[in-house]
Protein backbone atom coordinates (compact mmCIF):
# COMPACT_ATOMS: atom_id res chain seq x y z
CA UNK A 1 -33.25 19.32 -76.55
CA UNK A 2 -30.40 16.80 -76.86
CA UNK A 3 -30.49 13.29 -78.24
CA UNK A 4 -32.99 10.92 -76.55
CA UNK A 5 -31.64 7.43 -75.89
CA UNK A 6 -33.85 4.54 -74.74
CA UNK A 7 -32.54 1.64 -72.66
CA UNK A 8 -33.92 -1.26 -70.60
CA UNK A 9 -32.07 -0.14 -67.47
CA UNK A 10 -30.27 2.93 -66.18
CA UNK A 11 -27.56 2.38 -63.57
CA UNK A 12 -26.49 5.58 -61.80
CA UNK A 13 -23.00 5.16 -60.34
CA UNK A 14 -20.19 3.05 -61.82
CA UNK A 15 -18.42 1.93 -58.64
CA UNK A 16 -18.51 -1.73 -57.53
CA UNK A 17 -22.29 -1.80 -56.95
CA UNK A 18 -23.11 -0.08 -60.23
CA UNK A 19 -20.58 -2.06 -62.26
CA UNK A 20 -21.95 -5.29 -60.76
CA UNK A 21 -25.56 -4.33 -61.58
CA UNK A 22 -24.63 -3.36 -65.13
CA UNK A 23 -22.55 -6.50 -65.65
CA UNK A 24 -25.30 -8.80 -64.41
CA UNK A 25 -27.97 -7.06 -66.48
CA UNK A 26 -25.81 -7.13 -69.62
CA UNK A 27 -25.15 -10.86 -69.16
CA UNK A 28 -28.94 -11.30 -69.12
CA UNK A 29 -29.24 -9.43 -72.41
CA UNK A 30 -30.50 -6.04 -71.18
CA UNK A 31 -29.60 -2.75 -72.87
CA UNK A 32 -27.94 -0.83 -70.02
CA UNK A 33 -26.90 2.80 -69.59
CA UNK A 34 -24.09 3.22 -67.03
CA UNK A 35 -23.89 6.81 -65.77
CA UNK A 36 -21.32 8.39 -63.45
CA UNK A 37 -20.20 11.98 -63.00
CA UNK A 38 -16.59 10.82 -62.65
CA UNK A 39 -14.17 9.94 -65.41
CA UNK A 40 -12.50 6.60 -64.67
CA UNK A 41 -10.08 5.66 -63.31
CA UNK A 42 -11.04 7.73 -60.30
CA UNK A 43 -9.97 7.45 -56.67
CA UNK A 44 -12.27 6.53 -53.80
CA UNK A 45 -11.73 6.91 -50.07
CA UNK A 46 -11.65 3.33 -48.84
CA UNK A 47 -9.25 1.14 -46.91
CA UNK A 48 -9.40 -1.29 -49.81
CA UNK A 49 -9.75 -4.53 -47.86
CA UNK A 50 -11.09 -7.46 -49.88
CA UNK A 51 -12.39 -10.11 -47.49
CA UNK A 52 -12.92 -13.70 -48.51
CA UNK A 53 -16.65 -12.98 -48.55
CA UNK A 54 -16.17 -9.99 -50.86
CA UNK A 55 -13.87 -11.93 -53.18
CA UNK A 56 -16.49 -14.64 -53.52
CA UNK A 57 -19.14 -12.09 -54.52
CA UNK A 58 -16.76 -10.46 -57.03
CA UNK A 59 -15.89 -13.77 -58.65
CA UNK A 60 -19.58 -14.72 -58.93
CA UNK A 61 -20.18 -11.67 -61.15
CA UNK A 62 -16.84 -10.92 -62.83
CA UNK A 63 -14.83 -14.12 -62.50
CA UNK A 64 -11.34 -14.24 -60.93
CA UNK A 65 -9.62 -10.89 -60.48
CA UNK A 66 -6.21 -10.28 -62.09
CA UNK A 67 -3.53 -11.03 -59.53
CA UNK A 68 -2.01 -7.55 -59.81
CA UNK A 69 -5.19 -6.00 -58.37
CA UNK A 70 -4.68 -7.77 -55.04
CA UNK A 71 -1.95 -7.33 -52.43
CA UNK A 72 -1.85 -10.43 -50.20
CA UNK A 73 -1.80 -10.18 -46.42
CA UNK A 74 -0.96 -13.00 -44.08
CA UNK A 75 -1.40 -11.34 -40.70
CA UNK A 76 -3.92 -9.12 -38.96
CA UNK A 77 -2.99 -7.19 -35.82
CA UNK A 78 -5.69 -5.83 -33.56
CA UNK A 79 -4.58 -3.07 -31.25
CA UNK A 80 -5.99 -0.50 -28.88
CA UNK A 81 -3.63 2.42 -29.33
CA UNK A 82 -0.16 1.23 -28.34
CA UNK A 83 -1.49 -1.98 -26.77
CA UNK A 84 -1.55 -5.10 -28.93
CA UNK A 85 -4.68 -7.20 -28.44
CA UNK A 86 -3.72 -10.03 -30.74
CA UNK A 87 -1.69 -10.81 -33.86
CA UNK A 88 -3.16 -13.53 -36.03
CA UNK A 89 -1.19 -15.19 -38.81
CA UNK A 90 -3.91 -16.69 -40.94
CA UNK A 91 -4.40 -17.40 -44.66
CA UNK A 92 -7.92 -16.02 -44.31
CA UNK A 93 -6.59 -12.49 -43.74
CA UNK A 94 -8.13 -10.10 -46.32
CA UNK A 95 -6.17 -9.03 -49.37
CA UNK A 96 -5.77 -5.34 -50.19
CA UNK A 97 -6.55 -3.38 -53.33
CA UNK A 98 -6.33 0.17 -54.60
CA UNK A 99 -9.81 1.42 -55.46
CA UNK A 100 -8.39 3.46 -58.33
CA UNK A 101 -7.42 0.21 -60.07
CA UNK A 102 -10.23 -2.07 -58.84
CA UNK A 103 -13.11 0.25 -59.72
CA UNK A 104 -11.60 1.03 -63.10
CA UNK A 105 -11.30 -2.69 -63.85
CA UNK A 106 -14.86 -3.57 -62.77
CA UNK A 107 -16.36 -0.66 -64.71
CA UNK A 108 -14.31 -1.66 -67.75
CA UNK A 109 -15.68 -5.20 -67.55
CA UNK A 110 -19.26 -3.87 -67.47
CA UNK A 111 -18.60 -1.69 -70.53
CA UNK A 112 -16.99 -4.62 -72.34
CA UNK A 113 -20.09 -6.70 -71.54
CA UNK A 114 -22.21 -4.18 -73.44
CA UNK A 115 -23.18 -1.36 -71.08
CA UNK A 116 -23.35 2.05 -72.79
CA UNK A 117 -20.74 4.30 -71.22
CA UNK A 118 -21.96 7.67 -69.93
CA UNK A 119 -19.20 8.12 -67.35
CA UNK A 120 -17.64 11.55 -67.02
CA UNK A 121 -21.03 13.12 -67.72
CA UNK A 122 -22.82 14.80 -64.81
CA UNK A 123 -26.56 14.41 -64.35
CA UNK A 124 -28.33 17.74 -64.90
CA UNK A 125 -31.77 16.40 -64.02
CA UNK A 126 -33.30 13.15 -62.78
CA UNK A 127 -36.99 12.32 -63.19
CA UNK A 128 -37.53 9.04 -61.37
CA UNK A 129 -41.24 8.93 -62.13
CA UNK A 130 -40.70 9.03 -65.89
CA UNK A 131 -37.40 7.15 -65.76
CA UNK A 132 -35.50 9.93 -67.52
CA UNK A 133 -32.00 11.28 -66.88
CA UNK A 134 -30.87 14.48 -68.58
CA UNK A 135 -27.11 14.76 -68.78
CA UNK A 136 -24.99 17.89 -68.66
CA UNK A 137 -24.16 17.57 -72.37
CA UNK A 138 -27.86 17.65 -73.26
CA UNK A 139 -28.40 13.93 -73.90
CA UNK A 140 -31.49 12.34 -72.38
CA UNK A 141 -31.44 8.71 -71.30
CA UNK A 142 -34.62 6.83 -70.42
CA UNK A 143 -35.45 3.37 -69.10
CA UNK A 144 -38.32 1.67 -67.26
CA UNK A 145 -36.05 0.72 -64.32
CA UNK A 146 -33.36 2.74 -62.53
CA UNK A 147 -30.72 1.42 -60.14
CA UNK A 148 -29.14 4.01 -57.84
CA UNK A 149 -25.59 2.92 -57.01
CA UNK A 150 -24.30 6.46 -56.60
CA UNK A 151 -22.78 6.26 -53.13
CA UNK A 152 -23.51 7.56 -49.66
CA UNK A 153 -24.64 10.97 -50.98
CA UNK A 154 -26.88 9.29 -53.54
CA UNK A 155 -28.90 11.65 -55.72
CA UNK A 156 -31.32 8.80 -56.42
CA UNK A 157 -31.88 8.22 -52.69
CA UNK A 158 -32.44 11.95 -52.14
CA UNK A 159 -35.17 11.89 -54.76
CA UNK A 160 -36.81 8.87 -53.15
CA UNK A 161 -36.55 9.86 -49.49
CA UNK A 162 -35.75 13.57 -49.35
CA UNK A 163 -32.22 12.90 -48.06
CA UNK A 164 -29.52 10.37 -48.73
CA UNK A 165 -28.85 9.49 -45.08
CA UNK A 166 -29.60 10.42 -41.47
CA UNK A 167 -26.84 12.79 -40.24
CA UNK A 168 -27.30 11.46 -36.70
CA UNK A 169 -26.49 7.90 -37.76
CA UNK A 170 -24.01 8.18 -40.60
CA UNK A 171 -20.28 7.72 -40.22
CA UNK A 172 -17.37 9.90 -41.29
CA UNK A 173 -13.79 8.89 -42.07
CA UNK A 174 -10.45 10.54 -42.75
CA UNK A 175 -7.76 8.75 -44.71
CA UNK A 176 -4.27 9.24 -46.13
CA UNK A 177 -2.08 7.31 -48.55
CA UNK A 178 1.52 6.94 -47.40
CA UNK A 179 4.15 5.83 -49.90
CA UNK A 180 7.05 3.61 -48.90
CA UNK A 181 7.90 -0.03 -48.27
CA UNK A 182 5.01 -2.46 -47.99
CA UNK A 183 4.30 -5.39 -45.71
CA UNK A 184 1.80 -8.22 -45.41
CA UNK A 185 0.34 -7.17 -42.06
CA UNK A 186 -2.94 -5.29 -41.77
CA UNK A 187 -3.66 -3.47 -38.52
CA UNK A 188 -6.97 -2.52 -36.93
CA UNK A 189 -6.97 -0.03 -34.05
CA UNK A 190 -10.25 -0.66 -32.25
CA UNK A 191 -9.87 2.36 -29.96
CA UNK A 192 -8.86 5.00 -32.51
CA UNK A 193 -12.26 6.75 -32.51
CA UNK A 194 -15.48 6.60 -30.48
CA UNK A 195 -17.96 4.21 -32.12
CA UNK A 196 -15.37 3.48 -34.79
CA UNK A 197 -11.86 2.25 -35.44
CA UNK A 198 -8.61 2.95 -37.28
CA UNK A 199 -6.90 1.04 -40.07
CA UNK A 200 -3.35 0.72 -41.32
CA UNK A 201 -3.49 -1.38 -44.47
CA UNK A 202 -0.48 -2.39 -46.55
CA UNK A 203 -0.50 -1.80 -50.28
CA UNK A 204 1.96 -2.71 -53.01
CA UNK A 205 3.74 0.65 -52.76
CA UNK A 206 2.94 1.86 -49.26
CA UNK A 207 0.04 2.01 -46.81
CA UNK A 208 -3.47 3.36 -46.45
CA UNK A 209 -4.18 4.81 -43.01
CA UNK A 210 -7.50 6.10 -41.76
CA UNK A 211 -9.90 6.41 -38.87
CA UNK A 212 -13.66 6.60 -38.95
CA UNK A 213 -16.72 6.37 -36.76
CA UNK A 214 -20.17 7.80 -36.17
CA UNK A 215 -20.00 11.48 -37.11
CA UNK A 216 -22.02 12.73 -34.12
CA UNK A 217 -19.46 11.22 -31.72
CA UNK A 218 -16.39 12.44 -33.61
CA UNK A 219 -16.52 16.21 -33.92
CA UNK A 220 -12.77 16.23 -33.21
CA UNK A 221 -11.90 13.63 -35.84
CA UNK A 222 -9.34 15.73 -37.72
CA UNK A 223 -7.09 16.57 -34.73
CA UNK A 224 -7.58 13.01 -33.51
CA UNK A 225 -6.43 11.66 -36.88
CA UNK A 226 -3.41 13.94 -36.96
CA UNK A 227 -2.37 12.82 -33.47
CA UNK A 228 -2.91 9.19 -34.52
CA UNK A 229 -0.67 9.66 -37.55
CA UNK A 230 2.05 11.28 -35.43
CA UNK A 231 1.91 8.34 -33.02
CA UNK A 232 2.70 6.14 -36.02
CA UNK A 233 5.67 8.33 -36.95
CA UNK A 234 3.96 10.11 -39.85
CA UNK A 235 4.00 13.90 -40.20
CA UNK A 236 0.44 14.92 -41.22
CA UNK A 237 1.86 17.83 -43.21
CA UNK A 238 3.57 15.40 -45.59
CA UNK A 239 0.40 13.54 -46.68
CA UNK A 240 -2.90 14.45 -48.33
CA UNK A 241 -5.83 13.88 -45.99
CA UNK A 242 -9.22 13.13 -47.49
CA UNK A 243 -12.61 12.89 -45.79
CA UNK A 244 -15.87 11.20 -46.73
CA UNK A 245 -19.16 10.14 -45.15
CA UNK A 246 -19.71 6.41 -44.70
CA UNK A 247 -23.08 4.65 -44.25
CA UNK A 248 -21.70 3.01 -41.12
CA UNK A 249 -24.53 0.68 -40.11
CA UNK A 250 -27.36 2.89 -41.39
CA UNK A 251 -28.69 0.56 -44.07
CA UNK A 252 -32.13 1.00 -45.60
CA UNK A 253 -34.69 -1.66 -44.74
CA UNK A 254 -36.51 -0.78 -47.98
CA UNK A 255 -33.75 0.06 -50.49
CA UNK A 256 -35.97 1.37 -53.26
CA UNK A 257 -39.55 1.63 -54.47
CA UNK A 258 -41.44 0.21 -57.47
CA UNK A 259 -39.08 0.56 -60.47
CA UNK A 260 -36.24 2.25 -58.51
CA UNK A 261 -33.62 0.16 -56.65
CA UNK A 262 -30.71 1.21 -54.43
CA UNK A 263 -27.49 -0.78 -54.16
CA UNK A 264 -24.19 -0.53 -52.29
CA UNK A 265 -23.45 2.60 -50.26
CA UNK A 266 -26.59 4.28 -51.63
CA UNK A 267 -28.55 1.66 -49.66
CA UNK A 268 -26.21 1.89 -46.64
CA UNK A 269 -24.90 -1.65 -47.09
CA UNK A 270 -21.75 -1.43 -44.96
CA UNK A 271 -20.89 -3.89 -42.21
CA UNK A 272 -21.04 -1.85 -38.95
CA UNK A 273 -18.42 -4.07 -37.27
CA UNK A 274 -15.73 -4.39 -39.93
CA UNK A 275 -16.68 -1.33 -42.03
CA UNK A 276 -16.42 -3.54 -45.12
CA UNK A 277 -18.74 -2.51 -47.95
CA UNK A 278 -17.26 -3.81 -51.21
CA UNK A 279 -18.69 -7.31 -50.83
CA UNK A 280 -22.23 -6.12 -50.10
CA UNK A 281 -21.94 -3.56 -52.91
CA UNK A 282 -21.13 -6.30 -55.41
CA UNK A 283 -23.81 -8.66 -54.08
CA UNK A 284 -26.55 -6.02 -53.99
CA UNK A 285 -25.63 -4.84 -57.50
CA UNK A 286 -25.85 -8.42 -58.74
CA UNK A 287 -29.27 -8.92 -57.13
CA UNK A 288 -30.53 -5.56 -58.43
CA UNK A 289 -29.48 -6.46 -61.98
CA UNK A 290 -31.21 -9.83 -61.68
CA UNK A 291 -34.39 -8.23 -60.30
CA UNK A 292 -34.47 -5.73 -63.17
CA UNK A 293 -34.18 -8.54 -65.70
CA UNK A 294 -36.91 -10.60 -64.02
CA UNK A 295 -39.30 -7.65 -63.82
CA UNK A 296 -38.81 -6.81 -67.49
CA UNK A 297 -39.40 -10.43 -68.48
CA UNK A 298 -42.70 -10.16 -66.63
CA UNK A 299 -43.42 -6.87 -68.48
CA UNK A 300 -43.87 -5.39 -65.00
CA UNK A 301 -41.04 -2.91 -64.25
CA UNK A 302 -42.83 -1.70 -61.11
CA UNK A 303 -42.37 -5.21 -59.68
CA UNK A 304 -38.59 -4.80 -59.73
CA UNK A 305 -38.31 -3.56 -56.16
CA UNK A 306 -40.50 -6.32 -54.71
CA UNK A 307 -38.32 -8.90 -56.44
CA UNK A 308 -35.14 -7.16 -55.26
CA UNK A 309 -36.36 -6.82 -51.68
CA UNK A 310 -37.16 -10.53 -51.51
CA UNK A 311 -33.73 -11.50 -52.86
CA UNK A 312 -32.01 -9.13 -50.41
CA UNK A 313 -33.56 -10.68 -47.30
CA UNK A 314 -30.42 -12.64 -46.32
CA UNK A 315 -28.19 -9.58 -46.77
CA UNK A 316 -30.45 -7.38 -44.65
CA UNK A 317 -30.71 -10.03 -41.92
CA UNK A 318 -26.92 -10.22 -41.76
CA UNK A 319 -26.66 -6.44 -41.40
CA UNK A 320 -29.30 -6.39 -38.66
CA UNK A 321 -27.33 -9.00 -36.69
CA UNK A 322 -24.10 -7.10 -37.25
CA UNK A 323 -25.73 -3.91 -36.01
CA UNK A 324 -26.73 -5.63 -32.76
CA UNK A 325 -23.27 -7.12 -32.26
CA UNK A 326 -21.61 -3.77 -32.98
CA UNK A 327 -23.07 -2.51 -29.70
CA UNK A 328 -20.79 -5.00 -27.92
CA UNK A 329 -17.75 -4.06 -29.96
CA UNK A 330 -18.01 -0.25 -29.97
CA UNK A 331 -20.21 0.84 -27.05
CA UNK A 332 -18.03 3.03 -24.77
CA UNK A 333 -19.07 1.09 -21.66
CA UNK A 334 -18.53 -2.33 -23.25
CA UNK A 335 -15.56 -1.77 -25.52
CA UNK A 336 -12.61 -2.06 -23.17
CA UNK A 337 -14.25 -5.13 -21.61
CA UNK A 338 -14.79 -6.64 -25.06
CA UNK A 339 -11.15 -6.02 -26.01
CA UNK A 340 -9.96 -7.70 -22.80
CA UNK A 341 -12.02 -10.80 -23.62
CA UNK A 342 -10.86 -10.76 -27.26
CA UNK A 343 -7.22 -10.66 -26.13
CA UNK A 344 -7.71 -13.84 -24.09
CA UNK A 345 -10.10 -15.78 -26.29
CA UNK A 346 -8.52 -17.62 -29.22
CA UNK A 347 -12.00 -18.92 -30.02
CA UNK A 348 -13.36 -15.39 -30.42
CA UNK A 349 -10.34 -14.42 -32.54
CA UNK A 350 -10.91 -17.42 -34.80
CA UNK A 351 -14.59 -16.54 -35.22
CA UNK A 352 -13.65 -13.03 -36.27
CA UNK A 353 -11.36 -14.44 -38.96
CA UNK A 354 -14.11 -16.84 -40.07
CA UNK A 355 -16.51 -13.92 -40.47
CA UNK A 356 -14.05 -12.02 -42.64
CA UNK A 357 -13.37 -15.12 -44.73
CA UNK A 358 -17.06 -15.74 -45.36
CA UNK A 359 -16.81 -19.13 -43.67
CA UNK A 360 -19.20 -17.99 -40.97
CA UNK A 361 -22.19 -15.63 -41.00
CA UNK A 362 -23.50 -13.43 -38.23
CA UNK A 363 -26.41 -15.86 -38.19
CA UNK A 364 -23.95 -18.42 -36.76
CA UNK A 365 -23.42 -16.08 -33.80
CA UNK A 366 -26.84 -17.03 -32.43
CA UNK A 367 -28.61 -15.32 -29.53
CA UNK A 368 -27.39 -17.73 -26.86
CA UNK A 369 -23.79 -17.24 -27.96
CA UNK A 370 -24.21 -13.45 -27.97
CA UNK A 371 -25.59 -13.58 -24.43
CA UNK A 372 -22.66 -15.71 -23.30
CA UNK A 373 -20.19 -13.30 -24.92
CA UNK A 374 -22.00 -10.38 -23.29
CA UNK A 375 -21.81 -12.12 -19.91
CA UNK A 376 -18.08 -12.71 -20.31
CA UNK A 377 -17.57 -9.09 -21.24
CA UNK A 378 -19.54 -7.81 -18.27
CA UNK A 379 -17.80 -10.17 -15.85
CA UNK A 380 -14.36 -9.83 -17.46
CA UNK A 381 -14.09 -13.56 -18.11
CA UNK A 382 -12.50 -15.01 -21.22
CA UNK A 383 -13.04 -18.22 -23.18
């Protein structure tokens, strides 16, 4: 048997959610084990958009990001194939980042704050009941509380629920990095895939292009993506195409149990309208770390989930509202009507930008407003 190491908290997964949980717990004085099968820096399929909301959550945990991690954008174009819906020049347009650099930086900050680094070491066994992780190198790590921040295919979630996600409700995306000149315009193609969208995001040395949507409605996603790339003048044979599941609107109403908490993609915390998950990953990691600290101060580790669930109520309400509104945006019957209204309504365009900037919540899109928008969509009226 390998060396046995005892901690206050085990965080499984060192991406944004895990790094945030570890950072917050370390700031509170906890002895944290940060475990990830990957050696950092490691790449991650993701458009890399950092909304104003996400940036606020990052700064609350880690402070201001180094400027070289962010590529500024000043314009967002929304299109439906070759048709432009609108082009908005707005300082609230999200910035872009490369996950290779961002995730490496956030993890490094958590390690510098005091988290014990077990990255690059695969889990050989996980015993949630006893709070013990056995690593591939023989070491055993134990703690009274475990946070699962290990992504959409979460091993922690599989132990809790029997599966990480519902195949009928999860999303799937394909993405490619294209080198070349950059720009400051991000593009969203709202008709690129059924119940999904496409993105063309500028980076410092090129672009990130991808399309994604609900997997059950996109069995032909690969040929669709290749045709979409060709339409943009890119030969698919010249780029590396990567695929990954996304918890596209399938968040868990109860992200954990007793002394086990789920954060980020492991809990399905992705906005079903924008597809943005970094902000909710950071926020949920922060709240999970705080709940772990509070439960240990009470000498009641099994209270951790109840504390976490209570603190997550605003996040879950936002995702419920977004899930309802996504039916207007992506439903095949409603979508082309919605896009026609969006093209005419500067008010609706401004609200979209306010949502991305964090200046407006889905709660501000109250029921009466949703009904009015729905009526305009059905009748083809703008305003």
